[in-house]
Amino acid sequence: MFAKPVSGRTTAAAEGDVVVLLIGLRINRFWAVHHWLPALVSMFRMLRELARDGDIGLLARVLLTASPRTYYVVQYWESKEQLYAYASSPAMLHHRVWAITNRMERKGRVRGHVGLWHETYVVPEGSYESIYLDMPPFGLARAHGQAPVERRGRTARDRFGYRSTKATGKTG
């Protein structure tokens, strides 16, 4: 459960495009527990569902809080196609929960007690970089593995400039 730190400087071993989803909720009215608690519970149920099946495409996730009202998850996906497939699959919990939310909204039963949001980014290689000092695999490095920083460059400029064989098509 508690990962050991990797000594020294490392970077994420990501190659090619990186898909990042930020998704969360904001409790607008604390007293409306019957509105926000089901949403919060659903969020954790979806994370369990994703963790059970490694073929869905979720590589890693980080749970965060921005305030006592706002909770969110940073998710790293193999591809936007796999993210779309999960989100739209009738067999998966996300599809069912969103259908219930949409029905409630159409009936006027959503009253602003809880806010839901997500942002999705497809980040091309050369538009991201990372560095970790004495850290266990975290974030992008947890999703794609860690590499010695020297492999990608000691400076942020070097790491931004790194191009994998996946991106260049060159081997060896």
Protein backbone atom coordinates (compact mmCIF):
# COMPACT_ATOMS: atom_id res chain seq x y z
CA MET A 1 0.00 0.00 0.00
CA PHE A 2 2.83 2.40 0.81
CA ALA A 3 5.33 2.55 -2.03
CA LYS A 4 9.01 3.02 -1.33
CA PRO A 5 10.60 6.18 -2.71
CA VAL A 6 12.94 5.81 -5.65
CA SER A 7 16.21 7.55 -4.78
CA GLY A 8 17.36 10.48 -6.83
CA ARG A 9 15.78 12.28 -9.74
CA THR A 10 13.43 10.41 -12.06
CA THR A 11 10.94 11.32 -14.75
CA ALA A 12 7.87 9.67 -16.21
CA ALA A 13 8.65 7.08 -18.89
CA ALA A 14 5.60 8.11 -20.95
CA GLU A 15 5.95 7.86 -24.71
CA GLY A 16 3.58 9.35 -27.24
CA ASP A 17 0.38 11.18 -26.35
CA VAL A 18 -0.84 11.26 -22.74
CA VAL A 19 -4.54 11.27 -21.88
CA VAL A 20 -5.51 12.97 -18.61
CA LEU A 21 -9.02 13.21 -17.17
CA LEU A 22 -9.83 15.45 -14.21
CA ILE A 23 -13.24 14.56 -12.79
CA GLY A 24 -14.94 15.53 -9.59
CA LEU A 25 -17.75 17.02 -7.62
CA ARG A 26 -18.42 20.06 -5.49
CA ILE A 27 -20.80 20.04 -2.54
CA ASN A 28 -22.80 23.23 -2.97
CA ARG A 29 -25.06 22.73 0.04
CA PHE A 30 -23.70 20.63 2.90
CA TRP A 31 -27.17 20.09 4.39
CA ALA A 32 -28.36 18.34 1.18
CA VAL A 33 -26.62 15.08 2.06
CA HIS A 34 -29.25 13.07 0.16
CA HIS A 35 -28.03 14.76 -3.06
CA TRP A 36 -24.24 14.79 -2.73
CA LEU A 37 -23.63 11.56 -0.82
CA PRO A 38 -24.95 9.32 -3.64
CA ALA A 39 -22.74 11.20 -6.11
CA LEU A 40 -19.68 10.78 -3.88
CA VAL A 41 -20.41 7.08 -3.31
CA SER A 42 -20.87 6.60 -7.08
CA MET A 43 -17.48 8.19 -7.69
CA PHE A 44 -15.79 5.63 -5.41
CA ARG A 45 -17.81 2.77 -6.92
CA MET A 46 -16.64 3.77 -10.41
CA LEU A 47 -13.02 3.84 -9.22
CA ARG A 48 -13.43 0.32 -7.81
CA GLU A 49 -14.96 -0.82 -11.10
CA LEU A 50 -12.02 0.64 -13.04
CA ALA A 51 -9.49 -0.94 -10.66
CA ARG A 52 -11.05 -4.40 -11.08
CA ASP A 53 -10.56 -4.52 -14.86
CA GLY A 54 -7.10 -3.54 -16.09
CA ASP A 55 -8.19 -3.85 -19.73
CA ILE A 56 -10.53 -0.85 -19.51
CA GLY A 57 -7.63 1.53 -20.10
CA LEU A 58 -7.17 3.41 -16.82
CA LEU A 59 -3.44 3.41 -16.10
CA ALA A 60 -3.39 5.27 -12.77
CA ARG A 61 -5.32 7.75 -10.68
CA VAL A 62 -4.78 10.22 -7.87
CA LEU A 63 -7.57 11.24 -5.47
CA LEU A 64 -7.43 14.88 -4.40
CA THR A 65 -9.41 17.47 -2.53
CA ALA A 66 -9.41 21.17 -3.29
CA SER A 67 -11.45 22.16 -0.24
CA PRO A 68 -13.94 20.62 2.18
CA ARG A 69 -16.46 21.04 -0.65
CA THR A 70 -14.53 19.85 -3.71
CA TYR A 71 -13.23 16.34 -4.42
CA TYR A 72 -11.69 15.15 -7.63
CA VAL A 73 -9.65 12.47 -9.32
CA VAL A 74 -6.80 12.88 -11.77
CA GLN A 75 -6.91 9.89 -14.10
CA TYR A 76 -4.33 8.79 -16.67
CA TRP A 77 -5.73 6.74 -19.58
CA GLU A 78 -4.11 4.64 -22.31
CA SER A 79 -6.14 6.44 -24.99
CA LYS A 80 -9.09 8.76 -25.44
CA GLU A 81 -10.85 5.94 -27.30
CA GLN A 82 -10.67 3.72 -24.21
CA LEU A 83 -11.93 6.58 -22.05
CA TYR A 84 -14.87 7.15 -24.43
CA ALA A 85 -15.59 3.41 -24.50
CA TYR A 86 -15.75 3.25 -20.70
CA ALA A 87 -17.88 6.39 -20.36
CA SER A 88 -20.43 5.28 -22.96
CA SER A 89 -20.63 1.54 -22.24
CA PRO A 90 -24.08 0.55 -20.94
CA ALA A 91 -22.36 -2.26 -19.03
CA MET A 92 -20.37 0.20 -16.92
CA LEU A 93 -21.50 2.19 -13.89
CA HIS A 94 -20.63 5.63 -15.35
CA HIS A 95 -23.19 5.25 -18.12
CA ARG A 96 -25.95 4.25 -15.67
CA VAL A 97 -25.13 7.01 -13.17
CA TRP A 98 -25.05 9.67 -15.88
CA ALA A 99 -28.37 8.41 -17.28
CA ILE A 100 -29.96 8.80 -13.81
CA THR A 101 -28.47 12.31 -13.50
CA ASN A 102 -29.82 13.29 -16.93
CA ARG A 103 -33.32 11.95 -16.08
CA MET A 104 -33.34 13.87 -12.79
CA GLU A 105 -32.26 17.04 -14.56
CA ARG A 106 -35.00 16.70 -17.21
CA LYS A 107 -37.59 16.26 -14.44
CA GLY A 108 -36.32 19.38 -12.65
CA ARG A 109 -35.09 17.36 -9.67
CA VAL A 110 -31.51 18.65 -9.84
CA ARG A 111 -31.46 21.74 -7.67
CA GLY A 112 -27.83 22.77 -7.53
CA HIS A 113 -27.00 20.91 -4.33
CA VAL A 114 -24.01 19.20 -5.91
CA GLY A 115 -21.87 20.23 -8.87
CA LEU A 116 -20.30 17.69 -11.21
CA TRP A 117 -17.47 18.39 -13.63
CA HIS A 118 -14.74 16.91 -15.76
CA GLU A 119 -11.97 18.12 -18.05
CA THR A 120 -10.14 15.88 -20.51
CA TYR A 121 -6.78 16.58 -22.10
CA VAL A 122 -4.90 14.73 -24.81
CA VAL A 123 -1.36 15.99 -24.43
CA PRO A 124 0.98 15.36 -27.36
CA GLU A 125 4.51 14.20 -26.73
CA GLY A 126 6.75 17.22 -26.34
CA SER A 127 4.02 19.09 -24.46
CA TYR A 128 4.55 17.46 -21.07
CA GLU A 129 7.49 16.84 -18.80
CA SER A 130 7.95 15.68 -15.24
CA ILE A 131 10.52 15.33 -12.52
CA TYR A 132 10.37 13.49 -9.22
CA LEU A 133 12.95 13.70 -6.43
CA ASP A 134 13.04 10.81 -3.97
CA MET A 135 9.43 9.92 -4.84
CA PRO A 136 7.67 6.62 -5.32
CA PRO A 137 5.87 6.31 -8.67
CA PHE A 138 3.27 9.10 -8.63
CA GLY A 139 0.95 10.68 -11.16
CA LEU A 140 2.24 10.37 -14.72
CA ALA A 141 5.14 8.18 -13.53
CA ARG A 142 2.72 5.81 -11.82
CA ALA A 143 0.71 5.57 -15.03
CA HIS A 144 3.65 5.12 -17.41
CA GLY A 145 6.57 4.03 -15.23
CA GLN A 146 9.64 5.89 -14.00
CA ALA A 147 12.90 6.45 -15.82
CA PRO A 148 16.19 8.00 -14.71
CA VAL A 149 16.00 11.72 -15.43
CA GLU A 150 19.19 11.49 -17.54
CA ARG A 151 17.30 9.41 -20.11
CA ARG A 152 15.03 12.38 -20.91
CA GLY A 153 17.24 15.30 -19.89
CA ARG A 154 18.34 17.09 -16.73
CA THR A 155 16.38 20.28 -17.51
CA ALA A 156 12.70 20.86 -18.19
CA ARG A 157 13.66 22.20 -21.66
CA ASP A 158 15.44 18.90 -22.43
CA ARG A 159 12.53 16.80 -21.18
CA PHE A 160 10.05 18.83 -23.25
CA GLY A 161 12.29 18.24 -26.24
CA TYR A 162 12.47 14.47 -25.75
CA ARG A 163 10.96 12.43 -28.62
CA SER A 164 10.40 8.70 -28.26
CA THR A 165 10.85 6.17 -31.04
CA LYS A 166 7.06 5.87 -30.87
CA ALA A 167 6.78 9.54 -31.93
CA THR A 168 9.69 9.66 -34.41
CA GLY A 169 9.27 6.22 -35.94
CA LYS A 170 13.04 5.62 -35.56
CA THR A 171 14.39 2.52 -33.83
CA GLY A 172 17.56 1.92 -31.87
